[in-house]
Amino acid sequence: MAPVLVAAAHGTSSPRGRAAIGRLVAAVAARRPDLEVRAAFVDVQPPDPASVLGSIPAGRGARVVPLLLSAGYHVFVDLTEAVASVPAATLAPALGPDDRLARLLRRRLDAAGLRDDDVVVLAAAGSSQPSAVADCVRVADTLGGLLERAVTAAFLSAAEPRLEEAVAAVRMPGRRVVVATYLLAPGFFADRATRCGADVVTPPLLLPNGPAPDELVDIVVERYLS
């Protein structure tokens, strides 16, 4: 049998965030009905990855796909340690960076009414891992190429520049500042992004009440197969 796809998200106390992640996991299972798909969470809510991996029959195998937009502490430490304790488990790459995520961000901006003269800031969670920060900058640069304007990457924690400071720094008379929310789901950080002082803040990649975007489902399946 094929290895179990363990979709490992961060976890959140937000009911809307939990529902959004649940819809993504369900969409992955619907896309690949031949696979067993289970959810796990590295923080805040159960079950944790070690518990999920421990419940899989010996020899069955598992492929852990981080539902995380960049590879930071949770990938390099939490998930790596969980996978290392199970001989038949492997760890897939994080969801980002990926050009499809930038295209999804652009779609969120278009839906929010982006104007030609708007100044755009990308809001990411942030990480103490330099490579994770660089991944977010790469996505901002890709988005900037799609929009044909500069996009500043800013962070809600653990990295600089902080979102509120970046919004203030790029503000120009007569032009709006629009934040592209580079977060997977509603929750604590997404709520904080809405209070950053920007004129417009897009919703996260998973909408509170909408279906999981095809791009995200595609990426999760591809990471499992990689």
N, C-alpha and C. Protein backbone atom coordinates (compact mmCIF):
# COMPACT_ATOMS: atom_id res chain seq x y z
N MET A 1 0.84 -1.20 0.00
CA MET A 1 0.00 0.00 0.00
C MET A 1 0.87 1.24 0.00
N ALA A 2 0.32 2.34 -0.55
CA ALA A 2 1.06 3.59 -0.60
C ALA A 2 1.23 4.17 0.80
N PRO A 3 2.32 4.88 1.04
CA PRO A 3 2.49 5.52 2.34
C PRO A 3 1.33 6.47 2.66
N VAL A 4 1.01 6.58 3.92
CA VAL A 4 -0.01 7.53 4.37
C VAL A 4 0.51 8.95 4.14
N LEU A 5 -0.36 9.81 3.64
CA LEU A 5 -0.02 11.23 3.51
C LEU A 5 -0.44 11.91 4.81
N VAL A 6 0.56 12.33 5.58
CA VAL A 6 0.29 13.04 6.82
C VAL A 6 0.47 14.53 6.54
N ALA A 7 -0.63 15.26 6.51
CA ALA A 7 -0.61 16.70 6.26
C ALA A 7 -0.41 17.41 7.59
N ALA A 8 0.78 17.97 7.79
CA ALA A 8 1.15 18.54 9.09
C ALA A 8 1.08 20.06 9.05
N ALA A 9 0.03 20.61 9.65
CA ALA A 9 -0.16 22.06 9.71
C ALA A 9 0.38 22.60 11.03
N HIS A 10 0.41 23.93 11.13
CA HIS A 10 0.89 24.55 12.36
C HIS A 10 -0.07 24.29 13.51
N GLY A 11 -1.35 24.49 13.26
CA GLY A 11 -2.36 24.42 14.31
C GLY A 11 -2.78 25.81 14.74
N THR A 12 -4.03 25.95 15.12
CA THR A 12 -4.56 27.26 15.51
C THR A 12 -5.74 27.07 16.46
N SER A 13 -5.98 28.07 17.28
CA SER A 13 -7.17 28.06 18.14
C SER A 13 -8.36 28.69 17.44
N SER A 14 -8.15 29.23 16.25
CA SER A 14 -9.23 29.89 15.49
C SER A 14 -10.14 28.85 14.86
N PRO A 15 -11.45 28.88 15.16
CA PRO A 15 -12.36 27.94 14.50
C PRO A 15 -12.36 28.09 12.98
N ARG A 16 -12.25 29.33 12.50
CA ARG A 16 -12.21 29.53 11.05
C ARG A 16 -10.94 28.95 10.45
N GLY A 17 -9.83 29.12 11.16
CA GLY A 17 -8.58 28.56 10.68
C GLY A 17 -8.60 27.04 10.66
N ARG A 18 -9.16 26.44 11.71
CA ARG A 18 -9.26 24.98 11.75
C ARG A 18 -10.13 24.46 10.62
N ALA A 19 -11.22 25.16 10.36
CA ALA A 19 -12.12 24.73 9.29
C ALA A 19 -11.43 24.85 7.93
N ALA A 20 -10.66 25.92 7.73
CA ALA A 20 -9.98 26.13 6.45
C ALA A 20 -8.94 25.04 6.21
N ILE A 21 -8.15 24.72 7.23
CA ILE A 21 -7.17 23.65 7.09
C ILE A 21 -7.88 22.32 6.84
N GLY A 22 -8.97 22.10 7.55
CA GLY A 22 -9.73 20.87 7.34
C GLY A 22 -10.23 20.73 5.91
N ARG A 23 -10.64 21.85 5.30
CA ARG A 23 -11.10 21.79 3.91
C ARG A 23 -9.95 21.48 2.97
N LEU A 24 -8.75 22.00 3.27
CA LEU A 24 -7.60 21.69 2.43
C LEU A 24 -7.26 20.20 2.51
N VAL A 25 -7.22 19.66 3.73
CA VAL A 25 -6.92 18.24 3.90
C VAL A 25 -7.98 17.39 3.20
N ALA A 26 -9.24 17.77 3.32
CA ALA A 26 -10.32 17.03 2.67
C ALA A 26 -10.20 17.11 1.14
N ALA A 27 -9.79 18.27 0.63
CA ALA A 27 -9.63 18.42 -0.81
C ALA A 27 -8.49 17.56 -1.34
N VAL A 28 -7.42 17.44 -0.56
CA VAL A 28 -6.31 16.56 -0.95
C VAL A 28 -6.79 15.12 -0.99
N ALA A 29 -7.55 14.71 0.03
CA ALA A 29 -8.07 13.34 0.06
C ALA A 29 -9.01 13.08 -1.11
N ALA A 30 -9.81 14.08 -1.49
CA ALA A 30 -10.73 13.92 -2.61
C ALA A 30 -9.96 13.83 -3.93
N ARG A 31 -8.87 14.60 -4.03
CA ARG A 31 -8.05 14.56 -5.24
C ARG A 31 -7.39 13.20 -5.42
N ARG A 32 -6.97 12.61 -4.29
CA ARG A 32 -6.29 11.32 -4.35
C ARG A 32 -7.00 10.29 -3.47
N PRO A 33 -8.13 9.80 -3.92
CA PRO A 33 -8.89 8.84 -3.10
C PRO A 33 -8.16 7.51 -2.90
N ASP A 34 -7.09 7.30 -3.66
CA ASP A 34 -6.30 6.08 -3.50
C ASP A 34 -5.36 6.16 -2.31
N LEU A 35 -5.22 7.34 -1.71
CA LEU A 35 -4.31 7.53 -0.59
C LEU A 35 -5.09 7.69 0.71
N GLU A 36 -4.48 7.25 1.79
CA GLU A 36 -4.99 7.58 3.11
C GLU A 36 -4.36 8.90 3.53
N VAL A 37 -5.18 9.88 3.88
CA VAL A 37 -4.71 11.22 4.23
C VAL A 37 -5.11 11.50 5.67
N ARG A 38 -4.14 11.88 6.49
CA ARG A 38 -4.40 12.22 7.88
C ARG A 38 -3.83 13.59 8.19
N ALA A 39 -4.46 14.30 9.09
CA ALA A 39 -3.99 15.62 9.53
C ALA A 39 -3.22 15.50 10.83
N ALA A 40 -2.21 16.36 10.98
CA ALA A 40 -1.46 16.48 12.22
C ALA A 40 -1.11 17.95 12.41
N PHE A 41 -0.72 18.32 13.64
CA PHE A 41 -0.48 19.73 13.96
C PHE A 41 0.75 19.84 14.86
N VAL A 42 1.64 20.75 14.51
CA VAL A 42 2.88 20.88 15.27
C VAL A 42 2.72 21.70 16.54
N ASP A 43 1.60 22.43 16.65
CA ASP A 43 1.40 23.28 17.83
C ASP A 43 -0.11 23.52 18.02
N VAL A 44 -0.48 23.93 19.20
CA VAL A 44 -1.81 24.44 19.57
C VAL A 44 -2.89 23.36 19.67
N GLN A 45 -2.99 22.48 18.67
CA GLN A 45 -4.11 21.53 18.67
C GLN A 45 -3.61 20.11 18.38
N PRO A 46 -4.33 19.13 18.89
CA PRO A 46 -3.98 17.75 18.59
C PRO A 46 -4.63 17.30 17.27
N PRO A 47 -4.15 16.17 16.71
CA PRO A 47 -3.04 15.32 17.19
C PRO A 47 -1.70 15.83 16.68
N ASP A 48 -0.64 15.60 17.45
CA ASP A 48 0.68 16.01 17.01
C ASP A 48 1.24 14.99 16.03
N PRO A 49 2.25 15.38 15.24
CA PRO A 49 2.77 14.46 14.21
C PRO A 49 3.27 13.14 14.77
N ALA A 50 3.95 13.17 15.93
CA ALA A 50 4.47 11.92 16.49
C ALA A 50 3.33 10.95 16.81
N SER A 51 2.22 11.47 17.33
CA SER A 51 1.08 10.61 17.65
C SER A 51 0.47 10.00 16.38
N VAL A 52 0.34 10.82 15.34
CA VAL A 52 -0.23 10.31 14.09
C VAL A 52 0.69 9.26 13.49
N LEU A 53 1.98 9.54 13.44
CA LEU A 53 2.92 8.58 12.89
C LEU A 53 2.94 7.29 13.71
N GLY A 54 2.84 7.43 15.02
CA GLY A 54 2.84 6.26 15.88
C GLY A 54 1.62 5.38 15.73
N SER A 55 0.53 5.95 15.19
CA SER A 55 -0.70 5.18 15.02
C SER A 55 -0.76 4.43 13.69
N ILE A 56 0.21 4.67 12.83
CA ILE A 56 0.24 4.00 11.53
C ILE A 56 0.89 2.63 11.69
N PRO A 57 0.28 1.57 11.18
CA PRO A 57 0.84 0.24 11.35
C PRO A 57 2.30 0.14 10.89
N ALA A 58 3.08 -0.61 11.62
CA ALA A 58 4.50 -0.78 11.30
C ALA A 58 4.66 -1.31 9.88
N GLY A 59 5.58 -0.69 9.14
CA GLY A 59 5.85 -1.09 7.78
C GLY A 59 4.95 -0.47 6.74
N ARG A 60 3.89 0.21 7.18
CA ARG A 60 2.96 0.83 6.21
C ARG A 60 3.63 2.00 5.52
N GLY A 61 4.37 2.81 6.26
CA GLY A 61 5.05 3.96 5.68
C GLY A 61 4.21 5.21 5.74
N ALA A 62 4.86 6.35 5.80
CA ALA A 62 4.17 7.64 5.82
C ALA A 62 5.05 8.69 5.17
N ARG A 63 4.42 9.62 4.52
CA ARG A 63 5.10 10.78 3.92
C ARG A 63 4.47 12.02 4.55
N VAL A 64 5.25 12.74 5.35
CA VAL A 64 4.76 13.92 6.04
C VAL A 64 4.93 15.13 5.13
N VAL A 65 3.84 15.79 4.82
CA VAL A 65 3.86 16.99 3.99
C VAL A 65 3.56 18.19 4.88
N PRO A 66 4.54 19.07 5.09
CA PRO A 66 4.28 20.26 5.93
C PRO A 66 3.31 21.21 5.24
N LEU A 67 2.21 21.51 5.89
CA LEU A 67 1.30 22.55 5.38
C LEU A 67 1.80 23.89 5.92
N LEU A 68 3.02 24.20 5.54
CA LEU A 68 3.73 25.40 5.99
C LEU A 68 4.32 26.07 4.76
N LEU A 69 4.29 27.39 4.73
CA LEU A 69 4.69 28.11 3.53
C LEU A 69 6.19 28.24 3.37
N SER A 70 6.95 27.99 4.42
CA SER A 70 8.40 27.99 4.32
C SER A 70 8.97 27.02 5.35
N ALA A 71 10.20 26.63 5.13
CA ALA A 71 10.84 25.64 6.00
C ALA A 71 11.60 26.34 7.11
N GLY A 72 10.99 26.45 8.27
CA GLY A 72 11.63 27.04 9.43
C GLY A 72 11.78 26.02 10.54
N TYR A 73 11.68 26.49 11.78
CA TYR A 73 11.92 25.64 12.95
C TYR A 73 11.02 24.40 12.95
N HIS A 74 9.75 24.58 12.61
CA HIS A 74 8.83 23.45 12.70
C HIS A 74 9.21 22.33 11.72
N VAL A 75 9.76 22.72 10.56
CA VAL A 75 10.19 21.70 9.60
C VAL A 75 11.52 21.09 10.02
N PHE A 76 12.49 21.96 10.32
CA PHE A 76 13.84 21.48 10.59
C PHE A 76 13.99 20.80 11.95
N VAL A 77 13.11 21.10 12.89
CA VAL A 77 13.22 20.51 14.22
C VAL A 77 12.02 19.60 14.51
N ASP A 78 10.83 20.18 14.66
CA ASP A 78 9.67 19.40 15.10
C ASP A 78 9.37 18.23 14.16
N LEU A 79 9.21 18.52 12.89
CA LEU A 79 8.83 17.46 11.95
C LEU A 79 9.99 16.53 11.65
N THR A 80 11.19 17.08 11.59
CA THR A 80 12.36 16.23 11.36
C THR A 80 12.53 15.22 12.48
N GLU A 81 12.35 15.66 13.72
CA GLU A 81 12.47 14.75 14.86
C GLU A 81 11.35 13.71 14.86
N ALA A 82 10.14 14.12 14.53
CA ALA A 82 9.02 13.17 14.51
C ALA A 82 9.24 12.09 13.46
N VAL A 83 9.71 12.50 12.29
CA VAL A 83 9.95 11.54 11.21
C VAL A 83 11.12 10.62 11.54
N ALA A 84 12.15 11.16 12.17
CA ALA A 84 13.34 10.36 12.50
C ALA A 84 13.02 9.21 13.44
N SER A 85 11.95 9.34 14.21
CA SER A 85 11.60 8.30 15.19
C SER A 85 10.80 7.15 14.56
N VAL A 86 10.45 7.28 13.29
CA VAL A 86 9.65 6.26 12.61
C VAL A 86 10.41 5.80 11.36
N PRO A 87 10.93 4.59 11.34
CA PRO A 87 11.80 4.16 10.24
C PRO A 87 11.16 4.27 8.85
N ALA A 88 9.85 4.05 8.74
CA ALA A 88 9.21 4.04 7.43
C ALA A 88 8.60 5.39 7.06
N ALA A 89 8.97 6.46 7.76
CA ALA A 89 8.42 7.78 7.47
C ALA A 89 9.45 8.66 6.78
N THR A 90 8.98 9.52 5.90
CA THR A 90 9.83 10.50 5.23
C THR A 90 9.18 11.87 5.32
N LEU A 91 9.99 12.90 5.11
CA LEU A 91 9.52 14.28 5.22
C LEU A 91 9.63 14.97 3.88
N ALA A 92 8.53 15.54 3.41
CA ALA A 92 8.48 16.27 2.15
C ALA A 92 8.88 17.73 2.37
N PRO A 93 9.18 18.47 1.30
CA PRO A 93 9.47 19.90 1.43
C PRO A 93 8.23 20.69 1.84
N ALA A 94 8.46 21.88 2.35
CA ALA A 94 7.36 22.80 2.66
C ALA A 94 6.65 23.23 1.38
N LEU A 95 5.52 23.87 1.52
CA LEU A 95 4.72 24.28 0.37
C LEU A 95 5.40 25.38 -0.46
N GLY A 96 6.14 26.24 0.23
CA GLY A 96 6.78 27.34 -0.48
C GLY A 96 8.29 27.29 -0.32
N PRO A 97 8.99 28.08 -1.16
CA PRO A 97 8.43 28.98 -2.17
C PRO A 97 7.96 28.21 -3.41
N ASP A 98 6.97 28.78 -4.08
CA ASP A 98 6.42 28.18 -5.29
C ASP A 98 5.74 29.30 -6.06
N ASP A 99 6.00 29.35 -7.36
CA ASP A 99 5.42 30.43 -8.16
C ASP A 99 3.90 30.42 -8.13
N ARG A 100 3.31 29.26 -7.93
CA ARG A 100 1.84 29.19 -7.89
C ARG A 100 1.28 29.91 -6.68
N LEU A 101 2.05 29.96 -5.61
CA LEU A 101 1.60 30.72 -4.44
C LEU A 101 1.59 32.21 -4.75
N ALA A 102 2.56 32.67 -5.51
CA ALA A 102 2.57 34.08 -5.91
C ALA A 102 1.38 34.40 -6.80
N ARG A 103 1.03 33.47 -7.68
CA ARG A 103 -0.13 33.70 -8.54
C ARG A 103 -1.42 33.72 -7.72
N LEU A 104 -1.48 32.88 -6.69
CA LEU A 104 -2.65 32.90 -5.81
C LEU A 104 -2.72 34.20 -5.03
N LEU A 105 -1.57 34.70 -4.57
CA LEU A 105 -1.54 36.01 -3.91
C LEU A 105 -2.04 37.10 -4.84
N ARG A 106 -1.63 37.04 -6.11
CA ARG A 106 -2.11 38.05 -7.06
C ARG A 106 -3.62 37.97 -7.21
N ARG A 107 -4.16 36.77 -7.23
CA ARG A 107 -5.60 36.63 -7.35
C ARG A 107 -6.31 37.25 -6.15
N ARG A 108 -5.76 37.06 -4.97
CA ARG A 108 -6.35 37.67 -3.78
C ARG A 108 -6.28 39.20 -3.88
N LEU A 109 -5.18 39.73 -4.40
CA LEU A 109 -5.05 41.18 -4.57
C LEU A 109 -6.05 41.70 -5.59
N ASP A 110 -6.19 41.01 -6.71
CA ASP A 110 -7.16 41.44 -7.73
C ASP A 110 -8.57 41.45 -7.15
N ALA A 111 -8.90 40.42 -6.37
CA ALA A 111 -10.24 40.35 -5.77
C ALA A 111 -10.46 41.48 -4.78
N ALA A 112 -9.38 41.96 -4.17
CA ALA A 112 -9.47 43.06 -3.20
C ALA A 112 -9.50 44.43 -3.87
N GLY A 113 -9.42 44.46 -5.21
CA GLY A 113 -9.49 45.73 -5.92
C GLY A 113 -8.18 46.45 -6.05
N LEU A 114 -7.08 45.73 -6.26
CA LEU A 114 -5.77 46.35 -6.40
C LEU A 114 -5.78 47.39 -7.52
N ARG A 115 -5.18 48.54 -7.24
CA ARG A 115 -5.08 49.61 -8.23
C ARG A 115 -3.66 49.69 -8.78
N ASP A 116 -3.54 50.33 -9.95
CA ASP A 116 -2.23 50.42 -10.60
C ASP A 116 -1.21 51.18 -9.77
N ASP A 117 -1.67 52.13 -8.95
CA ASP A 117 -0.72 52.94 -8.18
C ASP A 117 -0.59 52.49 -6.73
N ASP A 118 -1.19 51.36 -6.36
CA ASP A 118 -1.07 50.88 -4.99
C ASP A 118 0.35 50.41 -4.70
N VAL A 119 0.79 50.62 -3.46
CA VAL A 119 2.06 50.10 -2.98
C VAL A 119 1.77 48.79 -2.26
N VAL A 120 2.51 47.74 -2.59
CA VAL A 120 2.19 46.40 -2.08
C VAL A 120 3.27 45.92 -1.12
N VAL A 121 2.81 45.37 0.01
CA VAL A 121 3.68 44.75 1.00
C VAL A 121 3.20 43.32 1.20
N LEU A 122 4.14 42.38 1.19
CA LEU A 122 3.80 40.99 1.48
C LEU A 122 3.99 40.73 2.96
N ALA A 123 2.96 40.19 3.61
CA ALA A 123 3.00 39.92 5.05
C ALA A 123 3.17 38.43 5.29
N ALA A 124 4.32 38.04 5.86
CA ALA A 124 4.60 36.65 6.19
C ALA A 124 4.71 36.49 7.70
N ALA A 125 4.59 35.25 8.16
CA ALA A 125 4.65 35.02 9.60
C ALA A 125 6.01 35.38 10.18
N GLY A 126 7.08 35.02 9.48
CA GLY A 126 8.43 35.27 9.97
C GLY A 126 9.04 34.03 10.58
N SER A 127 10.36 34.00 10.64
CA SER A 127 11.08 32.84 11.16
C SER A 127 12.47 33.26 11.60
N SER A 128 13.01 32.54 12.57
CA SER A 128 14.40 32.77 12.97
C SER A 128 15.37 32.05 12.03
N GLN A 129 14.83 31.28 11.10
CA GLN A 129 15.65 30.55 10.12
C GLN A 129 15.89 31.45 8.91
N PRO A 130 17.15 31.85 8.64
CA PRO A 130 17.40 32.76 7.52
C PRO A 130 16.89 32.25 6.18
N SER A 131 16.98 30.95 5.95
CA SER A 131 16.53 30.41 4.67
C SER A 131 15.01 30.57 4.51
N ALA A 132 14.27 30.47 5.61
CA ALA A 132 12.82 30.66 5.54
C ALA A 132 12.49 32.11 5.21
N VAL A 133 13.23 33.04 5.78
CA VAL A 133 13.03 34.46 5.46
C VAL A 133 13.35 34.70 3.99
N ALA A 134 14.44 34.10 3.51
CA ALA A 134 14.81 34.26 2.10
C ALA A 134 13.74 33.69 1.18
N ASP A 135 13.11 32.60 1.59
CA ASP A 135 12.02 32.02 0.79
C ASP A 135 10.86 33.00 0.65
N CYS A 136 10.54 33.70 1.73
CA CYS A 136 9.45 34.68 1.68
C CYS A 136 9.82 35.86 0.79
N VAL A 137 11.07 36.29 0.85
CA VAL A 137 11.53 37.37 -0.03
C VAL A 137 11.42 36.94 -1.49
N ARG A 138 11.75 35.68 -1.74
CA ARG A 138 11.64 35.18 -3.12
C ARG A 138 10.20 35.24 -3.61
N VAL A 139 9.25 34.87 -2.77
CA VAL A 139 7.84 34.94 -3.16
C VAL A 139 7.43 36.39 -3.40
N ALA A 140 7.91 37.30 -2.55
CA ALA A 140 7.61 38.73 -2.75
C ALA A 140 8.16 39.21 -4.09
N ASP A 141 9.36 38.77 -4.42
CA ASP A 141 9.96 39.17 -5.70
C ASP A 141 9.17 38.60 -6.88
N THR A 142 8.74 37.36 -6.76
CA THR A 142 7.94 36.75 -7.82
C THR A 142 6.61 37.48 -7.99
N LEU A 143 5.98 37.81 -6.86
CA LEU A 143 4.74 38.57 -6.92
C LEU A 143 4.98 39.93 -7.55
N GLY A 144 6.09 40.57 -7.20
CA GLY A 144 6.42 41.86 -7.80
C GLY A 144 6.55 41.77 -9.31
N GLY A 145 7.13 40.67 -9.79
CA GLY A 145 7.24 40.48 -11.23
C GLY A 145 5.88 40.35 -11.89
N LEU A 146 4.96 39.65 -11.23
CA LEU A 146 3.61 39.51 -11.77
C LEU A 146 2.87 40.84 -11.80
N LEU A 147 3.12 41.67 -10.78
CA LEU A 147 2.41 42.95 -10.66
C LEU A 147 3.13 44.09 -11.36
N GLU A 148 4.36 43.84 -11.78
CA GLU A 148 5.21 44.85 -12.42
C GLU A 148 5.41 46.06 -11.51
N ARG A 149 5.70 45.75 -10.25
CA ARG A 149 6.03 46.78 -9.27
C ARG A 149 6.78 46.11 -8.13
N ALA A 150 7.49 46.91 -7.36
CA ALA A 150 8.22 46.36 -6.22
C ALA A 150 7.25 45.90 -5.14
N VAL A 151 7.58 44.77 -4.52
CA VAL A 151 6.81 44.26 -3.38
C VAL A 151 7.78 44.05 -2.23
N THR A 152 7.50 44.67 -1.11
CA THR A 152 8.34 44.55 0.08
C THR A 152 7.88 43.39 0.93
N ALA A 153 8.82 42.51 1.29
CA ALA A 153 8.49 41.41 2.21
C ALA A 153 8.63 41.92 3.64
N ALA A 154 7.63 41.66 4.46
CA ALA A 154 7.64 42.07 5.86
C ALA A 154 7.09 40.92 6.71
N PHE A 155 7.32 41.00 8.02
CA PHE A 155 7.09 39.84 8.87
C PHE A 155 6.33 40.22 10.14
N LEU A 156 5.55 39.27 10.62
CA LEU A 156 4.76 39.49 11.83
C LEU A 156 5.49 39.08 13.09
N SER A 157 6.57 38.32 12.97
CA SER A 157 7.37 37.93 14.13
C SER A 157 8.72 37.42 13.65
N ALA A 158 9.71 37.45 14.55
CA ALA A 158 10.98 36.74 14.40
C ALA A 158 11.91 37.23 13.29
N ALA A 159 11.48 38.17 12.47
CA ALA A 159 12.32 38.65 11.37
C ALA A 159 11.99 40.11 11.08
N GLU A 160 12.90 40.76 10.40
CA GLU A 160 12.73 42.17 10.04
C GLU A 160 12.64 42.30 8.52
N PRO A 161 11.96 43.37 8.04
CA PRO A 161 11.24 44.39 8.81
C PRO A 161 9.90 43.86 9.32
N ARG A 162 9.45 44.40 10.45
CA ARG A 162 8.14 44.06 10.95
C ARG A 162 7.07 44.71 10.07
N LEU A 163 5.93 44.08 10.00
CA LEU A 163 4.90 44.50 9.06
C LEU A 163 4.47 45.94 9.28
N GLU A 164 4.20 46.31 10.52
CA GLU A 164 3.73 47.68 10.78
C GLU A 164 4.78 48.71 10.34
N GLU A 165 6.05 48.41 10.59
CA GLU A 165 7.12 49.32 10.20
C GLU A 165 7.24 49.41 8.69
N ALA A 166 7.10 48.30 8.00
CA ALA A 166 7.21 48.30 6.55
C ALA A 166 6.07 49.09 5.92
N VAL A 167 4.86 48.92 6.46
CA VAL A 167 3.71 49.67 5.93
C VAL A 167 3.95 51.17 6.08
N ALA A 168 4.43 51.57 7.25
CA ALA A 168 4.70 53.00 7.47
C ALA A 168 5.81 53.50 6.57
N ALA A 169 6.82 52.67 6.32
CA ALA A 169 7.98 53.10 5.54
C ALA A 169 7.66 53.31 4.07
N VAL A 170 6.72 52.52 3.53
CA VAL A 170 6.44 52.64 2.09
C VAL A 170 5.29 53.59 1.79
N ARG A 171 4.66 54.13 2.81
CA ARG A 171 3.50 54.99 2.57
C ARG A 171 3.89 56.27 1.84
N MET A 172 3.11 56.61 0.83
CA MET A 172 3.33 57.81 0.02
C MET A 172 2.04 58.61 -0.06
N PRO A 173 2.14 59.93 -0.12
CA PRO A 173 0.93 60.74 -0.22
C PRO A 173 0.11 60.38 -1.45
N GLY A 174 -1.17 60.20 -1.26
CA GLY A 174 -2.07 59.94 -2.36
C GLY A 174 -2.10 58.51 -2.88
N ARG A 175 -1.34 57.61 -2.25
CA ARG A 175 -1.31 56.22 -2.72
C ARG A 175 -1.66 55.28 -1.56
N ARG A 176 -2.40 54.24 -1.88
CA ARG A 176 -2.77 53.27 -0.86
C ARG A 176 -1.64 52.26 -0.63
N VAL A 177 -1.59 51.75 0.59
CA VAL A 177 -0.72 50.62 0.89
C VAL A 177 -1.61 49.38 1.02
N VAL A 178 -1.29 48.36 0.25
CA VAL A 178 -2.07 47.13 0.22
C VAL A 178 -1.19 45.98 0.68
N VAL A 179 -1.67 45.21 1.62
CA VAL A 179 -0.92 44.08 2.15
C VAL A 179 -1.45 42.79 1.54
N ALA A 180 -0.53 42.02 0.94
CA ALA A 180 -0.82 40.68 0.45
C ALA A 180 -0.49 39.70 1.57
N THR A 181 -1.49 39.07 2.12
CA THR A 181 -1.31 38.22 3.29
C THR A 181 -0.78 36.85 2.88
N TYR A 182 0.50 36.63 3.14
CA TYR A 182 1.14 35.36 2.80
C TYR A 182 1.11 34.44 4.02
N LEU A 183 -0.11 34.08 4.39
CA LEU A 183 -0.38 33.16 5.48
C LEU A 183 -1.35 32.11 4.96
N LEU A 184 -1.25 30.90 5.49
CA LEU A 184 -2.06 29.83 4.92
C LEU A 184 -3.53 29.96 5.28
N ALA A 185 -3.83 30.30 6.54
CA ALA A 185 -5.21 30.22 7.00
C ALA A 185 -5.54 31.33 7.99
N PRO A 186 -6.82 31.58 8.23
CA PRO A 186 -7.20 32.53 9.28
C PRO A 186 -6.65 32.10 10.63
N GLY A 187 -6.41 33.09 11.48
CA GLY A 187 -5.89 32.80 12.80
C GLY A 187 -5.22 34.01 13.40
N PHE A 188 -4.37 33.78 14.39
CA PHE A 188 -3.75 34.85 15.15
C PHE A 188 -2.98 35.82 14.27
N PHE A 189 -2.09 35.30 13.42
CA PHE A 189 -1.28 36.18 12.59
C PHE A 189 -2.12 36.91 11.55
N ALA A 190 -3.09 36.22 10.96
CA ALA A 190 -3.95 36.87 9.97
C ALA A 190 -4.74 38.01 10.61
N ASP A 191 -5.19 37.81 11.84
CA ASP A 191 -5.88 38.88 12.55
C ASP A 191 -4.95 40.07 12.81
N ARG A 192 -3.72 39.76 13.20
CA ARG A 192 -2.75 40.83 13.43
C ARG A 192 -2.46 41.61 12.15
N ALA A 193 -2.41 40.92 11.04
CA ALA A 193 -2.13 41.60 9.76
C ALA A 193 -3.19 42.65 9.46
N THR A 194 -4.42 42.39 9.83
CA THR A 194 -5.49 43.35 9.54
C THR A 194 -5.34 44.64 10.33
N ARG A 195 -4.50 44.62 11.39
CA ARG A 195 -4.32 45.80 12.24
C ARG A 195 -2.97 46.49 11.99
N CYS A 196 -2.38 46.26 10.82
CA CYS A 196 -1.02 46.76 10.57
C CYS A 196 -0.97 48.20 10.09
N GLY A 197 -2.13 48.81 9.82
CA GLY A 197 -2.15 50.19 9.36
C GLY A 197 -2.26 50.35 7.86
N ALA A 198 -2.36 49.25 7.12
CA ALA A 198 -2.50 49.33 5.66
C ALA A 198 -3.93 49.75 5.30
N ASP A 199 -4.08 50.23 4.08
CA ASP A 199 -5.41 50.62 3.61
C ASP A 199 -6.26 49.41 3.23
N VAL A 200 -5.61 48.38 2.71
CA VAL A 200 -6.29 47.15 2.33
C VAL A 200 -5.41 45.98 2.75
N VAL A 201 -6.02 44.96 3.32
CA VAL A 201 -5.30 43.73 3.69
C VAL A 201 -6.08 42.56 3.10
N THR A 202 -5.43 41.77 2.27
CA THR A 202 -6.12 40.63 1.66
C THR A 202 -6.29 39.51 2.68
N PRO A 203 -7.25 38.61 2.44
CA PRO A 203 -7.37 37.43 3.30
C PRO A 203 -6.23 36.46 3.04
N PRO A 204 -6.04 35.47 3.91
CA PRO A 204 -4.99 34.49 3.68
C PRO A 204 -5.28 33.60 2.48
N LEU A 205 -4.36 32.70 2.17
CA LEU A 205 -4.49 31.87 0.97
C LEU A 205 -5.72 30.97 1.04
N LEU A 206 -6.01 30.43 2.22
CA LEU A 206 -7.24 29.68 2.42
C LEU A 206 -8.30 30.64 2.94
N LEU A 207 -9.34 30.85 2.17
CA LEU A 207 -10.39 31.78 2.57
C LEU A 207 -11.20 31.20 3.73
N PRO A 208 -11.72 32.06 4.60
CA PRO A 208 -12.45 31.57 5.78
C PRO A 208 -13.60 30.62 5.44
N ASN A 209 -14.31 30.90 4.34
CA ASN A 209 -15.49 30.10 4.03
C ASN A 209 -15.47 29.51 2.62
N GLY A 210 -14.32 29.59 1.96
CA GLY A 210 -14.26 29.12 0.58
C GLY A 210 -13.59 27.78 0.43
N PRO A 211 -13.69 27.20 -0.76
CA PRO A 211 -13.02 25.92 -1.02
C PRO A 211 -11.50 26.10 -1.07
N ALA A 212 -10.78 25.03 -0.85
CA ALA A 212 -9.32 25.08 -0.95
C ALA A 212 -8.92 25.34 -2.40
N PRO A 213 -8.06 26.33 -2.66
CA PRO A 213 -7.64 26.61 -4.04
C PRO A 213 -6.93 25.41 -4.67
N ASP A 214 -7.16 25.23 -5.95
CA ASP A 214 -6.54 24.12 -6.66
C ASP A 214 -5.01 24.16 -6.56
N GLU A 215 -4.45 25.39 -6.57
CA GLU A 215 -3.00 25.51 -6.49
C GLU A 215 -2.45 24.84 -5.24
N LEU A 216 -3.10 25.06 -4.11
CA LEU A 216 -2.63 24.49 -2.86
C LEU A 216 -2.78 22.97 -2.86
N VAL A 217 -3.88 22.49 -3.37
CA VAL A 217 -4.08 21.05 -3.45
C VAL A 217 -3.01 20.42 -4.34
N ASP A 218 -2.76 21.05 -5.48
CA ASP A 218 -1.73 20.56 -6.40
C ASP A 218 -0.37 20.47 -5.71
N ILE A 219 -0.01 21.51 -4.99
CA ILE A 219 1.30 21.55 -4.35
C ILE A 219 1.43 20.47 -3.28
N VAL A 220 0.39 20.29 -2.48
CA VAL A 220 0.44 19.26 -1.44
C VAL A 220 0.66 17.89 -2.06
N VAL A 221 -0.10 17.58 -3.11
CA VAL A 221 0.04 16.28 -3.77
C VAL A 221 1.43 16.13 -4.38
N GLU A 222 1.92 17.18 -5.00
CA GLU A 222 3.26 17.11 -5.61
C GLU A 222 4.35 16.93 -4.57
N ARG A 223 4.20 17.59 -3.41
CA ARG A 223 5.20 17.41 -2.35
C ARG A 223 5.18 15.96 -1.85
N TYR A 224 4.04 15.38 -1.76
CA TYR A 224 3.94 13.97 -1.34
C TYR A 224 4.67 13.07 -2.33
N LEU A 225 4.53 13.36 -3.61
CA LEU A 225 5.12 12.52 -4.65
C LEU A 225 6.59 12.80 -4.90
N SER A 226 7.10 13.91 -4.38
CA SER A 226 8.48 14.30 -4.69
C SER A 226 9.50 13.42 -3.98
